[in-house]
Amino acid sequence: MGIAVPHNEVMTADFYKHVESEGLPEPRRMRQLLTWCATRAMGDKPTGTEFEDQSVRMAGEVLRDGHFKPLKLILSFAARVIQEELLKDLANRSEMSDWFSREDAPKTAAPLVTRPHPKNIQNVAKIQELEQQIHRYEKK
């Protein structure tokens, strides 16, 4: 993929210290941080032998629904490919991380109508009932 990530001894919380601060606009710095964090979160790319070792180890195991675990392994590798594509898009397409040129979305959504929780309605009714009982006892 060609993304240079700081070495493993650098904590992800310290990545911002390693991004060039002069000459890079904020969106590019943010894109660099996001790219580094995503790359670190994905971990090392498994090799073909790791895939073969895991699939041989899991070949006889069956999941609860009757499917074999190698299918689960293949799906995890497919997910890895999707993650790599997203990471490549993030690294190469500036519009994915440039919040300065982003247009504000029009507020077309209807306002959120909140309703009280049914338990709160019951509690209010119970409070009113108890207050009436208190007033009746006070009058006696």
Protein backbone atom coordinates (compact mmCIF):
# COMPACT_ATOMS: atom_id res chain seq x y z
CA MET A 1 0.00 0.00 0.00
CA GLY A 2 2.96 2.29 0.54
CA ILE A 3 1.78 4.18 3.61
CA ALA A 4 4.67 4.95 5.94
CA VAL A 5 3.47 4.57 9.53
CA PRO A 6 5.58 5.60 12.54
CA HIS A 7 7.37 2.64 14.10
CA ASN A 8 5.60 0.48 16.67
CA GLU A 9 7.26 2.17 19.66
CA VAL A 10 5.37 5.39 18.86
CA MET A 11 2.03 5.37 20.64
CA THR A 12 -0.99 6.30 18.51
CA ALA A 13 -1.73 9.10 20.98
CA ASP A 14 1.62 10.65 19.98
CA PHE A 15 1.12 10.47 16.20
CA TYR A 16 0.23 14.17 16.06
CA LYS A 17 3.78 14.98 17.20
CA HIS A 18 5.17 13.29 14.09
CA VAL A 19 3.01 15.00 11.47
CA GLU A 20 4.75 17.82 9.68
CA SER A 21 3.27 20.99 11.17
CA GLU A 22 4.71 23.57 8.82
CA GLY A 23 3.46 23.81 5.27
CA LEU A 24 0.67 21.25 5.57
CA PRO A 25 -2.90 22.54 5.80
CA GLU A 26 -5.05 21.19 8.62
CA PRO A 27 -7.11 18.81 6.43
CA ARG A 28 -3.94 17.15 5.10
CA ARG A 29 -2.55 16.81 8.61
CA MET A 30 -5.84 15.25 9.75
CA ARG A 31 -5.83 12.90 6.76
CA GLN A 32 -2.29 11.82 7.66
CA LEU A 33 -3.32 11.12 11.27
CA LEU A 34 -6.41 9.20 10.17
CA THR A 35 -4.37 7.17 7.71
CA TRP A 36 -1.75 6.29 10.31
CA CYS A 37 -4.34 5.35 12.94
CA ALA A 38 -6.35 3.24 10.49
CA THR A 39 -3.21 1.48 9.26
CA ARG A 40 -2.10 0.73 12.82
CA ALA A 41 -5.60 -0.49 13.77
CA MET A 42 -5.68 -2.94 10.85
CA GLY A 43 -2.49 -4.62 12.00
CA ASP A 44 -0.07 -6.53 9.83
CA LYS A 45 -1.32 -7.98 6.60
CA PRO A 46 -1.58 -11.78 6.87
CA THR A 47 0.56 -13.74 4.45
CA GLY A 48 -0.57 -16.65 2.30
CA THR A 49 1.05 -19.17 4.64
CA GLU A 50 -0.81 -17.71 7.63
CA PHE A 51 -4.05 -18.08 5.70
CA GLU A 52 -3.21 -21.68 4.84
CA ASP A 53 -2.17 -22.51 8.42
CA GLN A 54 -5.37 -21.06 9.85
CA SER A 55 -7.58 -22.74 7.28
CA VAL A 56 -5.92 -26.14 7.87
CA ARG A 57 -6.32 -25.70 11.64
CA MET A 58 -9.99 -24.80 11.27
CA ALA A 59 -10.83 -27.22 8.45
CA GLY A 60 -12.69 -29.70 10.64
CA GLU A 61 -14.43 -27.22 12.88
CA VAL A 62 -18.07 -26.51 12.16
CA LEU A 63 -19.94 -23.43 13.31
CA ARG A 64 -23.33 -23.67 15.03
CA ASP A 65 -25.23 -22.99 11.81
CA GLY A 66 -23.43 -25.80 9.95
CA HIS A 67 -20.98 -23.64 8.02
CA PHE A 68 -17.29 -24.39 8.12
CA LYS A 69 -14.90 -21.98 9.81
CA PRO A 70 -12.77 -21.54 6.67
CA LEU A 71 -15.72 -19.59 5.28
CA LYS A 72 -15.49 -17.30 8.30
CA LEU A 73 -11.76 -16.94 7.65
CA ILE A 74 -12.34 -16.11 3.98
CA LEU A 75 -14.90 -13.49 4.99
CA SER A 76 -12.42 -11.92 7.40
CA PHE A 77 -9.88 -11.66 4.59
CA ALA A 78 -12.55 -10.12 2.34
CA ALA A 79 -13.23 -7.57 5.08
CA ARG A 80 -9.50 -6.84 5.17
CA VAL A 81 -9.54 -6.08 1.43
CA ILE A 82 -12.45 -3.68 1.94
CA GLN A 83 -10.62 -1.96 4.80
CA GLU A 84 -7.54 -1.57 2.62
CA GLU A 85 -9.61 -0.02 -0.18
CA LEU A 86 -11.18 2.45 2.23
CA LEU A 87 -7.77 3.31 3.63
CA LYS A 88 -6.42 3.84 0.11
CA ASP A 89 -9.36 6.15 -0.68
CA LEU A 90 -8.76 8.09 2.52
CA ALA A 91 -5.08 8.48 1.68
CA ASN A 92 -5.62 9.44 -1.97
CA ARG A 93 -8.90 11.39 -2.02
CA SER A 94 -8.61 14.69 -0.24
CA GLU A 95 -12.37 15.32 -0.21
CA MET A 96 -12.79 12.53 2.34
CA SER A 97 -10.98 14.52 5.03
CA ASP A 98 -11.26 18.16 3.91
CA TRP A 99 -13.85 19.74 6.15
CA PHE A 100 -13.01 23.28 4.94
CA SER A 101 -14.41 22.78 1.45
CA ARG A 102 -17.36 20.70 2.59
CA GLU A 103 -20.75 22.22 1.96
CA ASP A 104 -23.10 22.34 4.89
CA ALA A 105 -25.92 19.91 4.42
CA PRO A 106 -29.32 21.57 4.25
CA LYS A 107 -31.49 20.90 7.25
CA THR A 108 -34.37 19.20 5.51
CA ALA A 109 -35.09 16.66 8.18
CA ALA A 110 -38.24 17.11 10.18
CA PRO A 111 -37.69 18.27 13.75
CA LEU A 112 -37.34 15.46 16.22
CA VAL A 113 -40.54 14.94 18.17
CA THR A 114 -39.91 13.51 21.59
CA ARG A 115 -42.53 11.73 23.59
CA PRO A 116 -42.37 11.03 27.29
CA HIS A 117 -41.44 7.55 28.36
CA PRO A 118 -44.54 5.52 29.37
CA LYS A 119 -43.02 4.82 32.78
CA ASN A 120 -42.66 8.57 33.38
CA ILE A 121 -46.34 9.06 32.51
CA GLN A 122 -47.24 6.34 35.02
CA ASN A 123 -45.02 7.97 37.64
CA VAL A 124 -46.66 11.39 37.17
CA ALA A 125 -50.10 9.80 37.54
CA LYS A 126 -48.96 7.97 40.68
CA ILE A 127 -47.52 11.19 42.14
CA GLN A 128 -50.82 13.00 41.54
CA GLU A 129 -52.73 10.14 43.14
CA LEU A 130 -50.45 10.16 46.19
CA GLU A 131 -50.68 13.97 46.52
CA GLN A 132 -54.47 13.69 46.53
CA GLN A 133 -54.26 11.08 49.28
CA ILE A 134 -51.99 13.38 51.30
CA HIS A 135 -54.44 16.27 50.95
CA ARG A 136 -57.32 14.03 52.05
CA TYR A 137 -55.40 12.97 55.16
CA GLU A 138 -54.43 16.54 55.93
CA LYS A 139 -58.09 17.61 55.86
CA LYS A 140 -59.05 14.97 58.42
